[in-house]
């Protein structure tokens, strides 16, 4: 049980810091909105209150994370061993390959070949890589049918032609 609290300490500290920064950003942007009569009537009044509340609650969360040993836990998380284990993890490799496939689809296929063909190739490659279906030809059929449905839904329902 104590081990779980230590891991939560780092999460609390990091999340609290992010919330403080986000709250300060909201307050800053809300105070830059135009004031018409008085500040209470201004469109930035309510957002500035919400931003201040977010910042205060984030500060409390960060303080709790700090008191529970969040700094020590963050140092352990940022160690070379944890980083190395993360890099050589099978899940990390899988995510990197899927992101690469998405980049190839977006910047390599879309706009260069027809949407239906590009999407069918992308979906088939994803299905085969993730072993989503047992038979490869079923992956191709699902990808092609899905590509057609998306293309014609956008074309006839939304009035958007996908190239």
C-alpha atoms as a PDB file:
ATOM      1  CA  UNK A   1       0.000   0.000   0.000  1.00  0.00           C
ATOM      2  CA  UNK A   2       2.851   2.378   0.798  1.00  0.00           C
ATOM      3  CA  UNK A   3       4.395   1.681  -2.619  1.00  0.00           C
ATOM      4  CA  UNK A   4       1.175   2.842  -4.307  1.00  0.00           C
ATOM      5  CA  UNK A   5       1.251   6.147  -2.386  1.00  0.00           C
ATOM      6  CA  UNK A   6       4.847   6.771  -3.454  1.00  0.00           C
ATOM      7  CA  UNK A   7       3.927   6.399  -7.115  1.00  0.00           C
ATOM      8  CA  UNK A   8       0.936   8.640  -6.611  1.00  0.00           C
ATOM      9  CA  UNK A   9       3.146  11.277  -5.001  1.00  0.00           C
ATOM     10  CA  UNK A  10       5.004  11.892  -8.262  1.00  0.00           C
ATOM     11  CA  UNK A  11       1.730  12.010 -10.188  1.00  0.00           C
ATOM     12  CA  UNK A  12       0.235  14.450  -7.680  1.00  0.00           C
ATOM     13  CA  UNK A  13       3.280  16.707  -7.785  1.00  0.00           C
ATOM     14  CA  UNK A  14       3.475  16.785 -11.576  1.00  0.00           C
ATOM     15  CA  UNK A  15      -0.295  17.174 -12.074  1.00  0.00           C
ATOM     16  CA  UNK A  16      -0.429  19.922  -9.456  1.00  0.00           C
ATOM     17  CA  UNK A  17       2.325  21.894 -11.165  1.00  0.00           C
ATOM     18  CA  UNK A  18       0.577  21.542 -14.532  1.00  0.00           C
ATOM     19  CA  UNK A  19      -2.726  22.693 -13.002  1.00  0.00           C
ATOM     20  CA  UNK A  20      -1.070  25.728 -11.384  1.00  0.00           C
ATOM     21  CA  UNK A  21       0.458  26.738 -14.731  1.00  0.00           C
ATOM     22  CA  UNK A  22      -2.863  26.158 -16.518  1.00  0.00           C
ATOM     23  CA  UNK A  23      -4.791  28.157 -13.888  1.00  0.00           C
ATOM     24  CA  UNK A  24      -2.356  31.073 -14.128  1.00  0.00           C
ATOM     25  CA  UNK A  25      -2.685  30.985 -17.921  1.00  0.00           C
ATOM     26  CA  UNK A  26      -6.502  31.121 -17.660  1.00  0.00           C
ATOM     27  CA  UNK A  27      -6.351  34.064 -15.244  1.00  0.00           C
ATOM     28  CA  UNK A  28      -3.847  35.886 -17.469  1.00  0.00           C
ATOM     29  CA  UNK A  29      -5.961  35.426 -20.588  1.00  0.00           C
ATOM     30  CA  UNK A  30      -9.189  36.320 -18.750  1.00  0.00           C
ATOM     31  CA  UNK A  31      -7.670  39.570 -17.472  1.00  0.00           C
ATOM     32  CA  UNK A  32      -6.714  40.510 -21.042  1.00  0.00           C
ATOM     33  CA  UNK A  33     -10.347  40.409 -22.202  1.00  0.00           C
ATOM     34  CA  UNK A  34     -11.973  43.761 -22.868  1.00  0.00           C
ATOM     35  CA  UNK A  35     -13.746  45.409 -19.910  1.00  0.00           C
ATOM     36  CA  UNK A  36     -16.907  47.261 -20.954  1.00  0.00           C
ATOM     37  CA  UNK A  37     -18.362  48.841 -17.784  1.00  0.00           C
ATOM     38  CA  UNK A  38     -16.929  47.234 -14.669  1.00  0.00           C
ATOM     39  CA  UNK A  39     -14.773  44.176 -14.129  1.00  0.00           C
ATOM     40  CA  UNK A  40     -17.735  42.274 -12.669  1.00  0.00           C
ATOM     41  CA  UNK A  41     -19.620  42.776 -15.968  1.00  0.00           C
ATOM     42  CA  UNK A  42     -16.572  41.870 -18.062  1.00  0.00           C
ATOM     43  CA  UNK A  43     -16.413  38.568 -19.944  1.00  0.00           C
ATOM     44  CA  UNK A  44     -13.186  37.692 -18.119  1.00  0.00           C
ATOM     45  CA  UNK A  45     -14.637  37.843 -14.623  1.00  0.00           C
ATOM     46  CA  UNK A  46     -15.921  34.273 -14.340  1.00  0.00           C
ATOM     47  CA  UNK A  47     -12.963  32.678 -16.185  1.00  0.00           C
ATOM     48  CA  UNK A  48     -10.543  34.499 -13.887  1.00  0.00           C
ATOM     49  CA  UNK A  49     -12.336  33.048 -10.837  1.00  0.00           C
ATOM     50  CA  UNK A  50     -12.255  29.552 -12.367  1.00  0.00           C
ATOM     51  CA  UNK A  51      -8.572  29.948 -13.271  1.00  0.00           C
ATOM     52  CA  UNK A  52      -7.724  31.084  -9.762  1.00  0.00           C
ATOM     53  CA  UNK A  53      -9.581  28.109  -8.258  1.00  0.00           C
ATOM     54  CA  UNK A  54      -7.760  25.720 -10.615  1.00  0.00           C
ATOM     55  CA  UNK A  55      -4.413  27.277  -9.673  1.00  0.00           C
ATOM     56  CA  UNK A  56      -5.126  27.075  -5.923  1.00  0.00           C
ATOM     57  CA  UNK A  57      -6.321  23.468  -6.097  1.00  0.00           C
ATOM     58  CA  UNK A  58      -3.323  22.598  -8.265  1.00  0.00           C
ATOM     59  CA  UNK A  59      -1.052  24.184  -5.673  1.00  0.00           C
ATOM     60  CA  UNK A  60      -2.663  22.103  -2.925  1.00  0.00           C
ATOM     61  CA  UNK A  61      -2.236  18.952  -5.017  1.00  0.00           C
ATOM     62  CA  UNK A  62       1.405  19.792  -5.738  1.00  0.00           C
ATOM     63  CA  UNK A  63       2.047  20.457  -2.045  1.00  0.00           C
ATOM     64  CA  UNK A  64       0.527  17.091  -1.099  1.00  0.00           C
ATOM     65  CA  UNK A  65       2.669  15.370  -3.742  1.00  0.00           C
ATOM     66  CA  UNK A  66       5.761  17.157  -2.459  1.00  0.00           C
ATOM     67  CA  UNK A  67       5.048  16.172   1.164  1.00  0.00           C
ATOM     68  CA  UNK A  68       4.526  12.511   0.172  1.00  0.00           C
ATOM     69  CA  UNK A  69       7.946  12.355  -1.517  1.00  0.00           C
ATOM     70  CA  UNK A  70       7.113  13.266  -5.086  1.00  0.00           C
ATOM     71  CA  UNK A  71      10.544  14.750  -5.797  1.00  0.00           C
ATOM     72  CA  UNK A  72      12.283  11.495  -4.819  1.00  0.00           C
ATOM     73  CA  UNK A  73       9.844   9.476  -6.916  1.00  0.00           C
ATOM     74  CA  UNK A  74      10.338  11.740  -9.943  1.00  0.00           C
ATOM     75  CA  UNK A  75      14.125  11.286  -9.612  1.00  0.00           C
ATOM     76  CA  UNK A  76      13.610   7.503  -9.617  1.00  0.00           C
ATOM     77  CA  UNK A  77      11.307   7.709 -12.621  1.00  0.00           C
ATOM     78  CA  UNK A  78      13.802   9.860 -14.538  1.00  0.00           C
ATOM     79  CA  UNK A  79      16.693   7.452 -13.922  1.00  0.00           C
ATOM     80  CA  UNK A  80      18.550   5.866 -16.833  1.00  0.00           C
ATOM     81  CA  UNK A  81      17.348   2.345 -15.949  1.00  0.00           C
ATOM     82  CA  UNK A  82      13.678   3.306 -16.079  1.00  0.00           C
ATOM     83  CA  UNK A  83      14.273   5.229 -19.325  1.00  0.00           C
ATOM     84  CA  UNK A  84      16.098   2.245 -20.856  1.00  0.00           C
ATOM     85  CA  UNK A  85      13.330  -0.142 -19.779  1.00  0.00           C
ATOM     86  CA  UNK A  86      10.781   2.215 -21.340  1.00  0.00           C
ATOM     87  CA  UNK A  87      12.672   2.431 -24.644  1.00  0.00           C
ATOM     88  CA  UNK A  88      13.176  -1.326 -25.037  1.00  0.00           C
ATOM     89  CA  UNK A  89       9.616  -2.125 -23.977  1.00  0.00           C
ATOM     90  CA  UNK A  90       7.487  -4.017 -26.483  1.00  0.00           C
ATOM     91  CA  UNK A  91       4.634  -1.539 -25.927  1.00  0.00           C
ATOM     92  CA  UNK A  92       6.875   1.419 -26.770  1.00  0.00           C
ATOM     93  CA  UNK A  93       8.025  -0.265 -29.971  1.00  0.00           C
ATOM     94  CA  UNK A  94       4.421  -0.991 -30.923  1.00  0.00           C
ATOM     95  CA  UNK A  95       3.359   2.631 -30.370  1.00  0.00           C
ATOM     96  CA  UNK A  96       6.319   3.963 -32.375  1.00  0.00           C
ATOM     97  CA  UNK A  97       5.480   1.653 -35.294  1.00  0.00           C
ATOM     98  CA  UNK A  98       1.805   2.694 -35.197  1.00  0.00           C
ATOM     99  CA  UNK A  99       2.767   6.382 -35.126  1.00  0.00           C
ATOM    100  CA  UNK A 100       5.114   5.817 -38.086  1.00  0.00           C
ATOM    101  CA  UNK A 101       2.292   4.128 -39.997  1.00  0.00           C
ATOM    102  CA  UNK A 102       0.035   7.100 -39.233  1.00  0.00           C
ATOM    103  CA  UNK A 103       2.672   9.588 -40.401  1.00  0.00           C
ATOM    104  CA  UNK A 104       3.110   7.655 -43.657  1.00  0.00           C
ATOM    105  CA  UNK A 105      -0.674   7.621 -44.125  1.00  0.00           C
ATOM    106  CA  UNK A 106      -1.110  11.343 -43.488  1.00  0.00           C
ATOM    107  CA  UNK A 107       1.945  12.772 -45.237  1.00  0.00           C
ATOM    108  CA  UNK A 108       2.696   9.992 -47.690  1.00  0.00           C
ATOM    109  CA  UNK A 109      -0.665   8.767 -48.933  1.00  0.00           C
ATOM    110  CA  UNK A 110      -3.358  11.410 -48.373  1.00  0.00           C
ATOM    111  CA  UNK A 111      -3.464  13.861 -51.245  1.00  0.00           C
ATOM    112  CA  UNK A 112      -1.193  11.686 -53.390  1.00  0.00           C
ATOM    113  CA  UNK A 113      -3.493   8.713 -53.912  1.00  0.00           C
ATOM    114  CA  UNK A 114      -7.269   8.514 -53.641  1.00  0.00           C
ATOM    115  CA  UNK A 115      -8.723   8.575 -50.130  1.00  0.00           C
ATOM    116  CA  UNK A 116     -10.341   5.145 -50.421  1.00  0.00           C
ATOM    117  CA  UNK A 117      -7.098   3.470 -51.521  1.00  0.00           C
ATOM    118  CA  UNK A 118      -4.969   5.316 -48.966  1.00  0.00           C
ATOM    119  CA  UNK A 119      -7.322   4.536 -46.097  1.00  0.00           C
ATOM    120  CA  UNK A 120      -7.741   0.892 -47.158  1.00  0.00           C
ATOM    121  CA  UNK A 121      -3.959   0.426 -47.235  1.00  0.00           C
ATOM    122  CA  UNK A 122      -3.541   2.139 -43.869  1.00  0.00           C
ATOM    123  CA  UNK A 123      -6.318   0.176 -42.154  1.00  0.00           C
ATOM    124  CA  UNK A 124      -5.138  -3.126 -43.637  1.00  0.00           C
ATOM    125  CA  UNK A 125      -1.599  -2.487 -42.437  1.00  0.00           C
ATOM    126  CA  UNK A 126      -2.892  -1.650 -38.955  1.00  0.00           C
ATOM    127  CA  UNK A 127      -5.127  -4.705 -38.802  1.00  0.00           C
ATOM    128  CA  UNK A 128      -2.308  -6.997 -39.921  1.00  0.00           C
ATOM    129  CA  UNK A 129       0.232  -5.458 -37.551  1.00  0.00           C
ATOM    130  CA  UNK A 130      -2.106  -5.588 -34.559  1.00  0.00           C
ATOM    131  CA  UNK A 131      -3.367  -9.053 -35.567  1.00  0.00           C
ATOM    132  CA  UNK A 132      -6.925  -7.753 -35.269  1.00  0.00           C
ATOM    133  CA  UNK A 133      -8.354 -10.598 -37.347  1.00  0.00           C
ATOM    134  CA  UNK A 134      -7.109 -14.114 -37.928  1.00  0.00           C
ATOM    135  CA  UNK A 135      -7.387 -14.168 -41.718  1.00  0.00           C
ATOM    136  CA  UNK A 136      -5.505 -11.540 -43.751  1.00  0.00           C
ATOM    137  CA  UNK A 137      -8.179 -11.328 -46.446  1.00  0.00           C
ATOM    138  CA  UNK A 138     -10.762 -10.430 -43.822  1.00  0.00           C
ATOM    139  CA  UNK A 139      -8.577  -7.450 -42.849  1.00  0.00           C
ATOM    140  CA  UNK A 140      -8.560  -6.302 -46.462  1.00  0.00           C
ATOM    141  CA  UNK A 141     -12.334  -6.637 -46.803  1.00  0.00           C
ATOM    142  CA  UNK A 142     -13.028  -4.759 -43.562  1.00  0.00           C
ATOM    143  CA  UNK A 143     -10.565  -1.991 -44.508  1.00  0.00           C
ATOM    144  CA  UNK A 144     -11.976  -1.523 -48.013  1.00  0.00           C
ATOM    145  CA  UNK A 145     -15.620  -1.541 -46.859  1.00  0.00           C
ATOM    146  CA  UNK A 146     -14.822   0.903 -44.045  1.00  0.00           C
ATOM    147  CA  UNK A 147     -12.984   3.203 -46.451  1.00  0.00           C
ATOM    148  CA  UNK A 148     -15.936   3.229 -48.843  1.00  0.00           C
ATOM    149  CA  UNK A 149     -18.418   3.893 -46.041  1.00  0.00           C
ATOM    150  CA  UNK A 150     -16.371   6.793 -44.657  1.00  0.00           C
ATOM    151  CA  UNK A 151     -15.768   8.286 -48.111  1.00  0.00           C
ATOM    152  CA  UNK A 152     -19.408   8.176 -49.170  1.00  0.00           C
ATOM    153  CA  UNK A 153     -20.707   9.266 -45.764  1.00  0.00           C
ATOM    154  CA  UNK A 154     -18.586  12.389 -45.979  1.00  0.00           C
ATOM    155  CA  UNK A 155     -19.505  12.933 -49.626  1.00  0.00           C
ATOM    156  CA  UNK A 156     -23.288  12.492 -49.451  1.00  0.00           C
ATOM    157  CA  UNK A 157     -24.183  13.211 -45.822  1.00  0.00           C
ATOM    158  CA  UNK A 158     -21.742  16.000 -44.983  1.00  0.00           C
ATOM    159  CA  UNK A 159     -21.097  17.317 -48.500  1.00  0.00           C
ATOM    160  CA  UNK A 160     -17.307  16.968 -48.148  1.00  0.00           C
ATOM    161  CA  UNK A 161     -15.349  15.309 -50.938  1.00  0.00           C
ATOM    162  CA  UNK A 162     -12.289  13.433 -49.650  1.00  0.00           C
ATOM    163  CA  UNK A 163      -9.493  13.431 -52.203  1.00  0.00           C
END
